[in-house]
Amino acid sequence: MIGTWHGLIIDCPDPKALAGFYRELLGMVEVQDDGDWVVIGDAPDRPGLAFQRADVYTASTWPDPAVPQQMHLDVKVDDLDEGERRILELGARRLDGGGDSFRVYADPAGHPFCLVLM
């Protein structure tokens, strides 16, 4: 092992808003807020998700390959219908694709992510 995972950094136009979306989706807490850099996680000393302001940002157009996914998270849920209802209330939107065990969405900044049954 060379190192340990510290975090995933996601570019977006509004770090506070997107961090709030993922905080609610994943049940995490805000561990840092420097305005243009917001971090959420389980605790300050554990890996987390960081959101950094990108003044020039182009949202993914996936599944249209014009602007690729750039990144995506898989989020495990117990009930796809209930998970979908709750994330749509938070500002996500449903994308084409998916199947019996997963559904594809875009977060409020346009990053694709999936809800999955495991």
Protein backbone atom coordinates (compact mmCIF):
# COMPACT_ATOMS: atom_id res chain seq x y z
CA MET A 1 0.00 0.00 0.00
CA ILE A 2 1.31 3.44 -0.93
CA GLY A 3 -1.33 5.50 0.84
CA THR A 4 -4.92 5.58 2.03
CA TRP A 5 -8.00 7.08 0.45
CA HIS A 6 -8.65 10.60 1.72
CA GLY A 7 -11.54 11.81 -0.42
CA LEU A 8 -13.30 12.32 -3.72
CA ILE A 9 -13.30 15.91 -4.97
CA ILE A 10 -16.21 17.02 -7.15
CA ASP A 11 -16.16 20.22 -9.20
CA CYS A 12 -19.40 22.17 -9.20
CA PRO A 13 -20.75 25.73 -9.47
CA ASP A 14 -22.13 25.85 -5.88
CA PRO A 15 -20.19 23.73 -3.34
CA LYS A 16 -22.48 24.46 -0.37
CA ALA A 17 -25.64 23.46 -2.24
CA LEU A 18 -24.20 20.28 -3.77
CA ALA A 19 -22.62 19.25 -0.45
CA GLY A 20 -26.07 19.67 1.12
CA PHE A 21 -27.61 17.38 -1.50
CA TYR A 22 -25.06 14.62 -0.85
CA ARG A 23 -25.14 15.18 2.92
CA GLU A 24 -28.86 14.36 2.89
CA LEU A 25 -28.49 11.52 0.38
CA LEU A 26 -25.70 9.76 2.30
CA GLY A 27 -26.46 10.74 5.91
CA MET A 28 -23.10 12.46 6.34
CA VAL A 29 -22.14 15.61 8.24
CA GLU A 30 -20.38 18.74 7.07
CA VAL A 31 -16.81 18.64 8.33
CA GLN A 32 -15.34 21.70 6.57
CA ASP A 33 -16.69 24.81 4.84
CA ASP A 34 -14.26 27.29 3.35
CA GLY A 35 -16.79 28.81 0.94
CA ASP A 36 -15.34 27.50 -2.31
CA TRP A 37 -14.45 24.15 -0.67
CA VAL A 38 -16.98 22.13 1.38
CA VAL A 39 -16.28 18.64 2.76
CA ILE A 40 -18.78 16.10 4.10
CA GLY A 41 -18.08 12.74 5.71
CA ASP A 42 -18.70 10.44 8.65
CA ALA A 43 -16.20 12.37 10.81
CA PRO A 44 -13.43 14.94 10.27
CA ASP A 45 -10.68 12.29 10.50
CA ARG A 46 -12.23 9.89 7.95
CA PRO A 47 -12.37 10.00 4.12
CA GLY A 48 -15.11 12.14 2.68
CA LEU A 49 -16.53 13.93 -0.31
CA ALA A 50 -15.24 17.41 -1.11
CA PHE A 51 -16.99 19.91 -3.36
CA GLN A 52 -14.91 22.64 -4.96
CA ARG A 53 -16.15 25.67 -6.86
CA ALA A 54 -15.50 25.51 -10.59
CA ASP A 55 -16.19 28.88 -12.21
CA VAL A 56 -16.12 27.21 -15.62
CA TYR A 57 -18.21 24.07 -15.26
CA THR A 58 -19.95 21.96 -17.89
CA ALA A 59 -22.44 19.42 -16.59
CA SER A 60 -22.38 15.90 -17.97
CA THR A 61 -24.81 15.15 -20.77
CA TRP A 62 -24.65 11.39 -20.15
CA PRO A 63 -25.85 9.16 -21.74
CA ASP A 64 -25.13 11.51 -24.66
CA PRO A 65 -21.33 11.23 -25.01
CA ALA A 66 -20.88 14.96 -25.83
CA VAL A 67 -19.83 15.59 -22.20
CA PRO A 68 -18.85 12.35 -20.40
CA GLN A 69 -19.87 11.30 -16.89
CA GLN A 70 -16.66 12.67 -15.34
CA MET A 71 -17.43 10.59 -12.22
CA HIS A 72 -20.36 8.83 -10.62
CA LEU A 73 -21.31 7.33 -7.29
CA ASP A 74 -23.29 4.17 -6.66
CA VAL A 75 -25.52 4.57 -3.59
CA LYS A 76 -26.95 1.39 -2.03
CA VAL A 77 -30.62 1.58 -1.00
CA ASP A 78 -33.13 -0.90 0.43
CA ASP A 79 -36.03 0.35 -1.74
CA LEU A 80 -35.55 1.93 -5.19
CA ASP A 81 -38.96 3.60 -5.25
CA GLU A 82 -38.55 5.22 -1.83
CA GLY A 83 -34.97 6.22 -2.59
CA GLU A 84 -36.07 7.81 -5.84
CA ARG A 85 -38.88 9.72 -4.17
CA ARG A 86 -36.51 11.19 -1.60
CA ILE A 87 -33.70 12.17 -3.97
CA LEU A 88 -36.11 13.80 -6.42
CA GLU A 89 -37.35 15.93 -3.51
CA LEU A 90 -33.71 16.96 -2.90
CA GLY A 91 -33.30 18.15 -6.49
CA ALA A 92 -32.02 15.11 -8.39
CA ARG A 93 -33.47 14.24 -11.78
CA ARG A 94 -33.98 10.83 -13.35
CA LEU A 95 -31.83 9.93 -16.38
CA ASP A 96 -32.32 7.28 -19.03
CA GLY A 97 -30.88 3.90 -18.21
CA GLY A 98 -31.06 1.50 -15.34
CA GLY A 99 -32.69 -1.83 -14.77
CA ASP A 100 -34.29 -3.98 -12.12
CA SER A 101 -31.46 -3.45 -9.63
CA PHE A 102 -30.38 0.14 -10.31
CA ARG A 103 -31.59 3.53 -11.54
CA VAL A 104 -29.61 6.44 -12.92
CA TYR A 105 -29.96 10.08 -11.85
CA ALA A 106 -28.21 13.42 -12.07
CA ASP A 107 -27.44 15.45 -8.96
CA PRO A 108 -28.40 19.15 -8.94
CA ALA A 109 -25.11 20.06 -10.68
CA GLY A 110 -25.58 17.39 -13.36
CA HIS A 111 -23.20 14.64 -12.10
CA PRO A 112 -24.65 11.17 -12.80
CA PHE A 113 -25.12 8.75 -9.90
CA CYS A 114 -27.00 5.51 -9.36
CA LEU A 115 -29.25 4.10 -6.70
CA VAL A 116 -28.57 0.36 -6.48
CA LEU A 117 -30.15 -2.63 -4.75
CA MET A 118 -27.59 -5.10 -3.40
